[in-house]
Amino acid sequence: MNTKKKNKCDPDDQGNCCCNIEAVMTVDDRGQMVLPKEVRAKADIKPGDKLALVTWEENGQICCMTLIKADQLSNMVKGVLGPIMRSLNET
């Protein structure tokens, strides 16, 4: 019997995981950093793709940042707002 306590970020039965440390990057003097080739390939990020930077704050300081492809973010917003807008138009 497996009695190991499951960490909330351990992969589930389908291999899905909520978070991973994919890379550690260095910020240069101009504030730039390189997204590693392996990460770009895994995320299907191509030259010219637009990324949205989303941040979370805790106690007035940014504690977490994530990148989302802009087209995927747009689809997420449409998915949330679309039904709301349709219901408003019906009233």
PDB file of N, CA and C in Angstrom:
ATOM      1  N   MET A   1       0.832  -1.176   0.000  1.00  0.00           N
ATOM      2  CA  MET A   1       0.000   0.000   0.000  1.00  0.00           C
ATOM      3  C   MET A   1       0.879   1.242   0.000  1.00  0.00           C
ATOM      4  N   ASN A   2       0.589   2.185  -0.892  1.00  0.00           N
ATOM      5  CA  ASN A   2       1.364   3.408  -1.012  1.00  0.00           C
ATOM      6  C   ASN A   2       0.848   4.423  -0.007  1.00  0.00           C
ATOM      7  N   THR A   3       1.678   4.756   0.976  1.00  0.00           N
ATOM      8  CA  THR A   3       1.257   5.707   2.003  1.00  0.00           C
ATOM      9  C   THR A   3       1.916   7.060   1.821  1.00  0.00           C
ATOM     10  N   LYS A   4       2.676   7.220   0.738  1.00  0.00           N
ATOM     11  CA  LYS A   4       3.341   8.494   0.477  1.00  0.00           C
ATOM     12  C   LYS A   4       2.302   9.590   0.291  1.00  0.00           C
ATOM     13  N   LYS A   5       2.456  10.679   1.029  1.00  0.00           N
ATOM     14  CA  LYS A   5       1.547  11.813   0.886  1.00  0.00           C
ATOM     15  C   LYS A   5       1.799  12.471  -0.455  1.00  0.00           C
ATOM     16  N   LYS A   6       0.746  12.711  -1.214  1.00  0.00           N
ATOM     17  CA  LYS A   6       0.878  13.291  -2.549  1.00  0.00           C
ATOM     18  C   LYS A   6       1.055  14.802  -2.438  1.00  0.00           C
ATOM     19  N   ASN A   7       2.146  15.311  -3.000  1.00  0.00           N
ATOM     20  CA  ASN A   7       2.380  16.741  -3.085  1.00  0.00           C
ATOM     21  C   ASN A   7       1.396  17.320  -4.088  1.00  0.00           C
ATOM     22  N   LYS A   8       0.870  18.501  -3.836  1.00  0.00           N
ATOM     23  CA  LYS A   8      -0.120  19.059  -4.755  1.00  0.00           C
ATOM     24  C   LYS A   8       0.439  19.311  -6.148  1.00  0.00           C
ATOM     25  N   CYS A   9       1.752  19.333  -6.308  1.00  0.00           N
ATOM     26  CA  CYS A   9       2.329  19.521  -7.630  1.00  0.00           C
ATOM     27  C   CYS A   9       2.915  18.235  -8.200  1.00  0.00           C
ATOM     28  N   ASP A  10       2.701  17.117  -7.529  1.00  0.00           N
ATOM     29  CA  ASP A  10       3.106  15.838  -8.116  1.00  0.00           C
ATOM     30  C   ASP A  10       2.221  15.556  -9.319  1.00  0.00           C
ATOM     31  N   PRO A  11       2.780  14.932 -10.353  1.00  0.00           N
ATOM     32  CA  PRO A  11       1.944  14.599 -11.514  1.00  0.00           C
ATOM     33  C   PRO A  11       0.764  13.719 -11.113  1.00  0.00           C
ATOM     34  N   ASP A  12      -0.378  13.954 -11.755  1.00  0.00           N
ATOM     35  CA  ASP A  12      -1.535  13.110 -11.512  1.00  0.00           C
ATOM     36  C   ASP A  12      -1.423  11.840 -12.349  1.00  0.00           C
ATOM     37  N   ASP A  13      -2.475  11.033 -12.371  1.00  0.00           N
ATOM     38  CA  ASP A  13      -2.440   9.756 -13.089  1.00  0.00           C
ATOM     39  C   ASP A  13      -2.220   9.924 -14.591  1.00  0.00           C
ATOM     40  N   GLN A  14      -2.582  11.093 -15.146  1.00  0.00           N
ATOM     41  CA  GLN A  14      -2.396  11.344 -16.573  1.00  0.00           C
ATOM     42  C   GLN A  14      -1.065  12.035 -16.865  1.00  0.00           C
ATOM     43  N   GLY A  15      -0.252  12.263 -15.831  1.00  0.00           N
ATOM     44  CA  GLY A  15       1.042  12.903 -16.032  1.00  0.00           C
ATOM     45  C   GLY A  15       0.978  14.414 -16.030  1.00  0.00           C
ATOM     46  N   ASN A  16      -0.197  14.974 -15.696  1.00  0.00           N
ATOM     47  CA  ASN A  16      -0.337  16.433 -15.645  1.00  0.00           C
ATOM     48  C   ASN A  16       0.242  16.955 -14.339  1.00  0.00           C
ATOM     49  N   CYS A  17       0.796  18.135 -14.403  1.00  0.00           N
ATOM     50  CA  CYS A  17       1.376  18.751 -13.217  1.00  0.00           C
ATOM     51  C   CYS A  17       1.015  20.225 -13.207  1.00  0.00           C
ATOM     52  N   CYS A  18       0.847  20.777 -12.035  1.00  0.00           N
ATOM     53  CA  CYS A  18       0.435  22.173 -11.958  1.00  0.00           C
ATOM     54  C   CYS A  18       1.586  23.139 -12.205  1.00  0.00           C
ATOM     55  N   CYS A  19       2.794  22.760 -11.871  1.00  0.00           N
ATOM     56  CA  CYS A  19       3.913  23.678 -12.094  1.00  0.00           C
ATOM     57  C   CYS A  19       5.225  22.910 -12.174  1.00  0.00           C
ATOM     58  N   ASN A  20       6.153  23.480 -12.911  1.00  0.00           N
ATOM     59  CA  ASN A  20       7.491  22.919 -13.061  1.00  0.00           C
ATOM     60  C   ASN A  20       8.492  24.059 -13.123  1.00  0.00           C
ATOM     61  N   ILE A  21       9.676  23.833 -12.634  1.00  0.00           N
ATOM     62  CA  ILE A  21      10.771  24.771 -12.875  1.00  0.00           C
ATOM     63  C   ILE A  21      11.427  24.292 -14.156  1.00  0.00           C
ATOM     64  N   GLU A  22      11.229  25.036 -15.227  1.00  0.00           N
ATOM     65  CA  GLU A  22      11.743  24.643 -16.544  1.00  0.00           C
ATOM     66  C   GLU A  22      13.163  25.128 -16.771  1.00  0.00           C
ATOM     67  N   ALA A  23      13.494  26.289 -16.222  1.00  0.00           N
ATOM     68  CA  ALA A  23      14.815  26.857 -16.460  1.00  0.00           C
ATOM     69  C   ALA A  23      15.080  27.951 -15.441  1.00  0.00           C
ATOM     70  N   VAL A  24      16.343  28.248 -15.242  1.00  0.00           N
ATOM     71  CA  VAL A  24      16.766  29.402 -14.452  1.00  0.00           C
ATOM     72  C   VAL A  24      17.487  30.315 -15.427  1.00  0.00           C
ATOM     73  N   MET A  25      17.024  31.556 -15.518  1.00  0.00           N
ATOM     74  CA  MET A  25      17.580  32.493 -16.499  1.00  0.00           C
ATOM     75  C   MET A  25      18.239  33.662 -15.783  1.00  0.00           C
ATOM     76  N   THR A  26      19.147  34.312 -16.477  1.00  0.00           N
ATOM     77  CA  THR A  26      19.848  35.481 -15.958  1.00  0.00           C
ATOM     78  C   THR A  26      19.370  36.714 -16.710  1.00  0.00           C
ATOM     79  N   VAL A  27      19.133  37.791 -15.982  1.00  0.00           N
ATOM     80  CA  VAL A  27      18.756  39.061 -16.588  1.00  0.00           C
ATOM     81  C   VAL A  27      20.031  39.851 -16.834  1.00  0.00           C
ATOM     82  N   ASP A  28      20.194  40.353 -18.076  1.00  0.00           N
ATOM     83  CA  ASP A  28      21.412  41.095 -18.391  1.00  0.00           C
ATOM     84  C   ASP A  28      21.265  42.572 -18.024  1.00  0.00           C
ATOM     85  N   ASP A  29      22.293  43.369 -18.320  1.00  0.00           N
ATOM     86  CA  ASP A  29      22.312  44.788 -17.955  1.00  0.00           C
ATOM     87  C   ASP A  29      21.186  45.583 -18.605  1.00  0.00           C
ATOM     88  N   ARG A  30      20.665  45.098 -19.734  1.00  0.00           N
ATOM     89  CA  ARG A  30      19.579  45.796 -20.424  1.00  0.00           C
ATOM     90  C   ARG A  30      18.210  45.291 -19.994  1.00  0.00           C
ATOM     91  N   GLY A  31      18.170  44.387 -19.006  1.00  0.00           N
ATOM     92  CA  GLY A  31      16.906  43.848 -18.519  1.00  0.00           C
ATOM     93  C   GLY A  31      16.363  42.726 -19.380  1.00  0.00           C
ATOM     94  N   GLN A  32      17.191  42.187 -20.261  1.00  0.00           N
ATOM     95  CA  GLN A  32      16.751  41.119 -21.162  1.00  0.00           C
ATOM     96  C   GLN A  32      17.168  39.760 -20.633  1.00  0.00           C
ATOM     97  N   MET A  33      16.408  38.751 -21.025  1.00  0.00           N
ATOM     98  CA  MET A  33      16.757  37.374 -20.699  1.00  0.00           C
ATOM     99  C   MET A  33      16.394  36.499 -21.886  1.00  0.00           C
ATOM    100  N   VAL A  34      16.989  35.341 -21.953  1.00  0.00           N
ATOM    101  CA  VAL A  34      16.754  34.418 -23.057  1.00  0.00           C
ATOM    102  C   VAL A  34      15.878  33.275 -22.564  1.00  0.00           C
ATOM    103  N   LEU A  35      14.788  33.039 -23.268  1.00  0.00           N
ATOM    104  CA  LEU A  35      13.949  31.881 -22.995  1.00  0.00           C
ATOM    105  C   LEU A  35      14.616  30.693 -23.676  1.00  0.00           C
ATOM    106  N   PRO A  36      15.030  29.687 -22.931  1.00  0.00           N
ATOM    107  CA  PRO A  36      15.799  28.587 -23.519  1.00  0.00           C
ATOM    108  C   PRO A  36      15.078  27.909 -24.690  1.00  0.00           C
ATOM    109  N   LYS A  37      15.881  27.449 -25.639  1.00  0.00           N
ATOM    110  CA  LYS A  37      15.372  26.819 -26.855  1.00  0.00           C
ATOM    111  C   LYS A  37      14.433  25.661 -26.539  1.00  0.00           C
ATOM    112  N   GLU A  38      14.784  24.844 -25.549  1.00  0.00           N
ATOM    113  CA  GLU A  38      13.957  23.686 -25.199  1.00  0.00           C
ATOM    114  C   GLU A  38      12.573  24.122 -24.714  1.00  0.00           C
ATOM    115  N   VAL A  39      12.524  25.213 -23.954  1.00  0.00           N
ATOM    116  CA  VAL A  39      11.245  25.731 -23.444  1.00  0.00           C
ATOM    117  C   VAL A  39      10.428  26.302 -24.595  1.00  0.00           C
ATOM    118  N   ARG A  40      11.097  27.060 -25.483  1.00  0.00           N
ATOM    119  CA  ARG A  40      10.380  27.616 -26.644  1.00  0.00           C
ATOM    120  C   ARG A  40       9.800  26.494 -27.493  1.00  0.00           C
ATOM    121  N   ALA A  41      10.562  25.437 -27.693  1.00  0.00           N
ATOM    122  CA  ALA A  41      10.077  24.317 -28.507  1.00  0.00           C
ATOM    123  C   ALA A  41       8.898  23.629 -27.826  1.00  0.00           C
ATOM    124  N   LYS A  42       9.013  23.369 -26.538  1.00  0.00           N
ATOM    125  CA  LYS A  42       7.955  22.688 -25.792  1.00  0.00           C
ATOM    126  C   LYS A  42       6.665  23.510 -25.775  1.00  0.00           C
ATOM    127  N   ALA A  43       6.805  24.842 -25.725  1.00  0.00           N
ATOM    128  CA  ALA A  43       5.644  25.732 -25.690  1.00  0.00           C
ATOM    129  C   ALA A  43       5.212  26.174 -27.086  1.00  0.00           C
ATOM    130  N   ASP A  44       5.907  25.693 -28.108  1.00  0.00           N
ATOM    131  CA  ASP A  44       5.617  26.059 -29.504  1.00  0.00           C
ATOM    132  C   ASP A  44       5.647  27.573 -29.704  1.00  0.00           C
ATOM    133  N   ILE A  45       6.669  28.208 -29.124  1.00  0.00           N
ATOM    134  CA  ILE A  45       6.856  29.654 -29.278  1.00  0.00           C
ATOM    135  C   ILE A  45       7.797  29.884 -30.450  1.00  0.00           C
ATOM    136  N   LYS A  46       7.320  30.639 -31.410  1.00  0.00           N
ATOM    137  CA  LYS A  46       8.062  30.906 -32.644  1.00  0.00           C
ATOM    138  C   LYS A  46       8.426  32.390 -32.712  1.00  0.00           C
ATOM    139  N   PRO A  47       9.431  32.746 -33.531  1.00  0.00           N
ATOM    140  CA  PRO A  47       9.754  34.167 -33.711  1.00  0.00           C
ATOM    141  C   PRO A  47       8.518  34.935 -34.161  1.00  0.00           C
ATOM    142  N   GLY A  48       8.306  36.078 -33.547  1.00  0.00           N
ATOM    143  CA  GLY A  48       7.158  36.917 -33.884  1.00  0.00           C
ATOM    144  C   GLY A  48       5.939  36.673 -33.007  1.00  0.00           C
ATOM    145  N   ASP A  49       5.904  35.552 -32.270  1.00  0.00           N
ATOM    146  CA  ASP A  49       4.787  35.300 -31.357  1.00  0.00           C
ATOM    147  C   ASP A  49       4.763  36.386 -30.286  1.00  0.00           C
ATOM    148  N   LYS A  50       3.573  36.757 -29.873  1.00  0.00           N
ATOM    149  CA  LYS A  50       3.414  37.738 -28.798  1.00  0.00           C
ATOM    150  C   LYS A  50       3.054  36.995 -27.523  1.00  0.00           C
ATOM    151  N   LEU A  51       3.692  37.404 -26.426  1.00  0.00           N
ATOM    152  CA  LEU A  51       3.458  36.796 -25.126  1.00  0.00           C
ATOM    153  C   LEU A  51       2.934  37.854 -24.164  1.00  0.00           C
ATOM    154  N   ALA A  52       1.955  37.487 -23.357  1.00  0.00           N
ATOM    155  CA  ALA A  52       1.444  38.372 -22.312  1.00  0.00           C
ATOM    156  C   ALA A  52       2.122  37.980 -21.003  1.00  0.00           C
ATOM    157  N   LEU A  53       2.599  38.971 -20.275  1.00  0.00           N
ATOM    158  CA  LEU A  53       3.207  38.749 -18.969  1.00  0.00           C
ATOM    159  C   LEU A  53       2.135  39.012 -17.919  1.00  0.00           C
ATOM    160  N   VAL A  54       1.820  37.990 -17.127  1.00  0.00           N
ATOM    161  CA  VAL A  54       0.806  38.100 -16.079  1.00  0.00           C
ATOM    162  C   VAL A  54       1.525  37.978 -14.740  1.00  0.00           C
ATOM    163  N   THR A  55       1.211  38.865 -13.812  1.00  0.00           N
ATOM    164  CA  THR A  55       1.876  38.850 -12.509  1.00  0.00           C
ATOM    165  C   THR A  55       0.864  38.714 -11.380  1.00  0.00           C
ATOM    166  N   TRP A  56       1.330  38.198 -10.265  1.00  0.00           N
ATOM    167  CA  TRP A  56       0.564  38.147  -9.022  1.00  0.00           C
ATOM    168  C   TRP A  56       1.371  38.890  -7.984  1.00  0.00           C
ATOM    169  N   GLU A  57       0.649  39.643  -7.132  1.00  0.00           N
ATOM    170  CA  GLU A  57       1.317  40.394  -6.082  1.00  0.00           C
ATOM    171  C   GLU A  57       0.946  39.866  -4.708  1.00  0.00           C
ATOM    172  N   GLU A  58       1.897  39.987  -3.820  1.00  0.00           N
ATOM    173  CA  GLU A  58       1.674  39.653  -2.419  1.00  0.00           C
ATOM    174  C   GLU A  58       2.369  40.726  -1.602  1.00  0.00           C
ATOM    175  N   ASN A  59       1.632  41.348  -0.722  1.00  0.00           N
ATOM    176  CA  ASN A  59       2.168  42.425   0.120  1.00  0.00           C
ATOM    177  C   ASN A  59       2.811  43.530  -0.711  1.00  0.00           C
ATOM    178  N   GLY A  60       2.186  43.861  -1.847  1.00  0.00           N
ATOM    179  CA  GLY A  60       2.659  44.959  -2.682  1.00  0.00           C
ATOM    180  C   GLY A  60       3.852  44.643  -3.564  1.00  0.00           C
ATOM    181  N   GLN A  61       4.316  43.400  -3.556  1.00  0.00           N
ATOM    182  CA  GLN A  61       5.452  43.028  -4.400  1.00  0.00           C
ATOM    183  C   GLN A  61       5.060  41.864  -5.300  1.00  0.00           C
ATOM    184  N   ILE A  62       5.581  41.880  -6.522  1.00  0.00           N
ATOM    185  CA  ILE A  62       5.324  40.783  -7.448  1.00  0.00           C
ATOM    186  C   ILE A  62       6.021  39.536  -6.905  1.00  0.00           C
ATOM    187  N   CYS A  63       5.247  38.467  -6.754  1.00  0.00           N
ATOM    188  CA  CYS A  63       5.817  37.224  -6.234  1.00  0.00           C
ATOM    189  C   CYS A  63       5.843  36.126  -7.292  1.00  0.00           C
ATOM    190  N   CYS A  64       5.079  36.310  -8.377  1.00  0.00           N
ATOM    191  CA  CYS A  64       5.001  35.268  -9.387  1.00  0.00           C
ATOM    192  C   CYS A  64       4.725  35.912 -10.740  1.00  0.00           C
ATOM    193  N   MET A  65       5.355  35.396 -11.773  1.00  0.00           N
ATOM    194  CA  MET A  65       5.135  35.870 -13.137  1.00  0.00           C
ATOM    195  C   MET A  65       4.924  34.665 -14.038  1.00  0.00           C
ATOM    196  N   THR A  66       4.068  34.823 -15.031  1.00  0.00           N
ATOM    197  CA  THR A  66       3.870  33.771 -16.009  1.00  0.00           C
ATOM    198  C   THR A  66       3.722  34.391 -17.389  1.00  0.00           C
ATOM    199  N   LEU A  67       4.112  33.649 -18.396  1.00  0.00           N
ATOM    200  CA  LEU A  67       3.946  34.083 -19.782  1.00  0.00           C
ATOM    201  C   LEU A  67       2.839  33.255 -20.416  1.00  0.00           C
ATOM    202  N   ILE A  68       1.937  33.923 -21.130  1.00  0.00           N
ATOM    203  CA  ILE A  68       0.856  33.249 -21.845  1.00  0.00           C
ATOM    204  C   ILE A  68       0.881  33.764 -23.274  1.00  0.00           C
ATOM    205  N   LYS A  69       0.798  32.855 -24.236  1.00  0.00           N
ATOM    206  CA  LYS A  69       0.724  33.298 -25.622  1.00  0.00           C
ATOM    207  C   LYS A  69      -0.487  34.220 -25.756  1.00  0.00           C
ATOM    208  N   ALA A  70      -0.292  35.361 -26.411  1.00  0.00           N
ATOM    209  CA  ALA A  70      -1.342  36.369 -26.505  1.00  0.00           C
ATOM    210  C   ALA A  70      -2.601  35.817 -27.157  1.00  0.00           C
ATOM    211  N   ASP A  71      -2.463  34.965 -28.182  1.00  0.00           N
ATOM    212  CA  ASP A  71      -3.659  34.423 -28.824  1.00  0.00           C
ATOM    213  C   ASP A  71      -4.414  33.491 -27.888  1.00  0.00           C
ATOM    214  N   GLN A  72      -3.709  32.758 -27.037  1.00  0.00           N
ATOM    215  CA  GLN A  72      -4.374  31.894 -26.067  1.00  0.00           C
ATOM    216  C   GLN A  72      -5.072  32.720 -24.993  1.00  0.00           C
ATOM    217  N   LEU A  73      -4.439  33.819 -24.587  1.00  0.00           N
ATOM    218  CA  LEU A  73      -5.057  34.707 -23.606  1.00  0.00           C
ATOM    219  C   LEU A  73      -6.329  35.313 -24.188  1.00  0.00           C
ATOM    220  N   SER A  74      -6.259  35.704 -25.446  1.00  0.00           N
ATOM    221  CA  SER A  74      -7.430  36.257 -26.113  1.00  0.00           C
ATOM    222  C   SER A  74      -8.566  35.238 -26.135  1.00  0.00           C
ATOM    223  N   ASN A  75      -8.237  33.981 -26.443  1.00  0.00           N
ATOM    224  CA  ASN A  75      -9.259  32.928 -26.451  1.00  0.00           C
ATOM    225  C   ASN A  75      -9.839  32.703 -25.063  1.00  0.00           C
ATOM    226  N   MET A  76      -8.991  32.797 -24.016  1.00  0.00           N
ATOM    227  CA  MET A  76      -9.476  32.634 -22.641  1.00  0.00           C
ATOM    228  C   MET A  76     -10.469  33.745 -22.293  1.00  0.00           C
ATOM    229  N   VAL A  77     -10.113  34.973 -22.652  1.00  0.00           N
ATOM    230  CA  VAL A  77     -10.984  36.113 -22.360  1.00  0.00           C
ATOM    231  C   VAL A  77     -12.296  35.980 -23.110  1.00  0.00           C
ATOM    232  N   LYS A  78     -12.227  35.606 -24.388  1.00  0.00           N
ATOM    233  CA  LYS A  78     -13.450  35.407 -25.165  1.00  0.00           C
ATOM    234  C   LYS A  78     -14.309  34.312 -24.559  1.00  0.00           C
ATOM    235  N   GLY A  79     -13.677  33.249 -24.068  1.00  0.00           N
ATOM    236  CA  GLY A  79     -14.408  32.149 -23.454  1.00  0.00           C
ATOM    237  C   GLY A  79     -15.156  32.569 -22.207  1.00  0.00           C
ATOM    238  N   VAL A  80     -14.577  33.503 -21.463  1.00  0.00           N
ATOM    239  CA  VAL A  80     -15.215  33.988 -20.244  1.00  0.00           C
ATOM    240  C   VAL A  80     -16.241  35.067 -20.564  1.00  0.00           C
ATOM    241  N   LEU A  81     -15.845  36.037 -21.393  1.00  0.00           N
ATOM    242  CA  LEU A  81     -16.726  37.167 -21.660  1.00  0.00           C
ATOM    243  C   LEU A  81     -17.803  36.867 -22.699  1.00  0.00           C
ATOM    244  N   GLY A  82     -17.537  35.936 -23.617  1.00  0.00           N
ATOM    245  CA  GLY A  82     -18.513  35.627 -24.666  1.00  0.00           C
ATOM    246  C   GLY A  82     -19.871  35.266 -24.125  1.00  0.00           C
ATOM    247  N   PRO A  83     -19.975  34.294 -23.219  1.00  0.00           N
ATOM    248  CA  PRO A  83     -21.283  33.940 -22.675  1.00  0.00           C
ATOM    249  C   PRO A  83     -21.944  35.089 -21.913  1.00  0.00           C
ATOM    250  N   ILE A  84     -21.136  35.889 -21.228  1.00  0.00           N
ATOM    251  CA  ILE A  84     -21.694  37.033 -20.500  1.00  0.00           C
ATOM    252  C   ILE A  84     -22.289  38.040 -21.482  1.00  0.00           C
ATOM    253  N   MET A  85     -21.545  38.333 -22.540  1.00  0.00           N
ATOM    254  CA  MET A  85     -22.028  39.298 -23.532  1.00  0.00           C
ATOM    255  C   MET A  85     -23.279  38.774 -24.238  1.00  0.00           C
ATOM    256  N   ARG A  86     -23.307  37.479 -24.554  1.00  0.00           N
ATOM    257  CA  ARG A  86     -24.491  36.902 -25.192  1.00  0.00           C
ATOM    258  C   ARG A  86     -25.711  37.018 -24.280  1.00  0.00           C
ATOM    259  N   SER A  87     -25.510  36.739 -22.986  1.00  0.00           N
ATOM    260  CA  SER A  87     -26.657  36.818 -22.065  1.00  0.00           C
ATOM    261  C   SER A  87     -27.127  38.256 -21.906  1.00  0.00           C
ATOM    262  N   LEU A  88     -26.211  39.212 -21.953  1.00  0.00           N
ATOM    263  CA  LEU A  88     -26.611  40.622 -21.867  1.00  0.00           C
ATOM    264  C   LEU A  88     -27.381  41.042 -23.105  1.00  0.00           C
ATOM    265  N   ASN A  89     -26.993  40.540 -24.265  1.00  0.00           N
ATOM    266  CA  ASN A  89     -27.681  40.877 -25.505  1.00  0.00           C
ATOM    267  C   ASN A  89     -29.096  40.274 -25.564  1.00  0.00           C
ATOM    268  N   GLU A  90     -29.295  39.169 -24.840  1.00  0.00           N
ATOM    269  CA  GLU A  90     -30.613  38.508 -24.840  1.00  0.00           C
ATOM    270  C   GLU A  90     -31.604  39.211 -23.938  1.00  0.00           C
ATOM    271  N   THR A  91     -31.118  40.039 -23.028  1.00  0.00           N
ATOM    272  CA  THR A  91     -32.029  40.707 -22.093  1.00  0.00           C
ATOM    273  C   THR A  91     -32.495  42.039 -22.621  1.00  0.00           C
TER     274      THR A  91
END
